């Protein structure tokens, strides 16, 4: 009887190692390597007439007002983080803080990030300090990443001052 229980115990232990094959697990196929794109919070700013206030050539531009972002207790001044260009085959998330850029449509945007697209982020509070005496704006974002049928999926949810919004976040000042 002891021998039978010993064999049964050993067999059940071995079975636990073989019960979860790679084919049954969720995630990428074993022969596929995925580069998961990072995500960034993009922000456009205009006046009530639709003028791009981040464009340095627009009258009433706020581009050079010393805009700051406050995230996780740290303050990031616009365009203050230097990120040297590097070369890699991998798509890597490179955190650049708060920076301005012009998009192909001609509009300027503030961008905050980059964040790793293959991670989950619980709601994160990002406060934009316009440094011009007007009220700060609060953006709350969360990000979910998961595998489904061996395909990566991700979703970012963004709120502006308590109301769900689309990306890019559009602020009217």
Foldseek 3Di string as FASTA:
>chain_A
DVVVVVVVVVVVVVCVVVVDDPVPDFAADPVDDDFFAWDKAKEFEAAPVRHGLCPPPDVNRLVPLFKWKAWPNDIDTEPPADDDDDDDPHRDWDFRAWYWDADPVRHIIIIGTGGRQQDWADWIWMWMDSNPPDDIKIKIKTKDWGGDPNDIDMDMWIDINRHTDDPNHYHYD
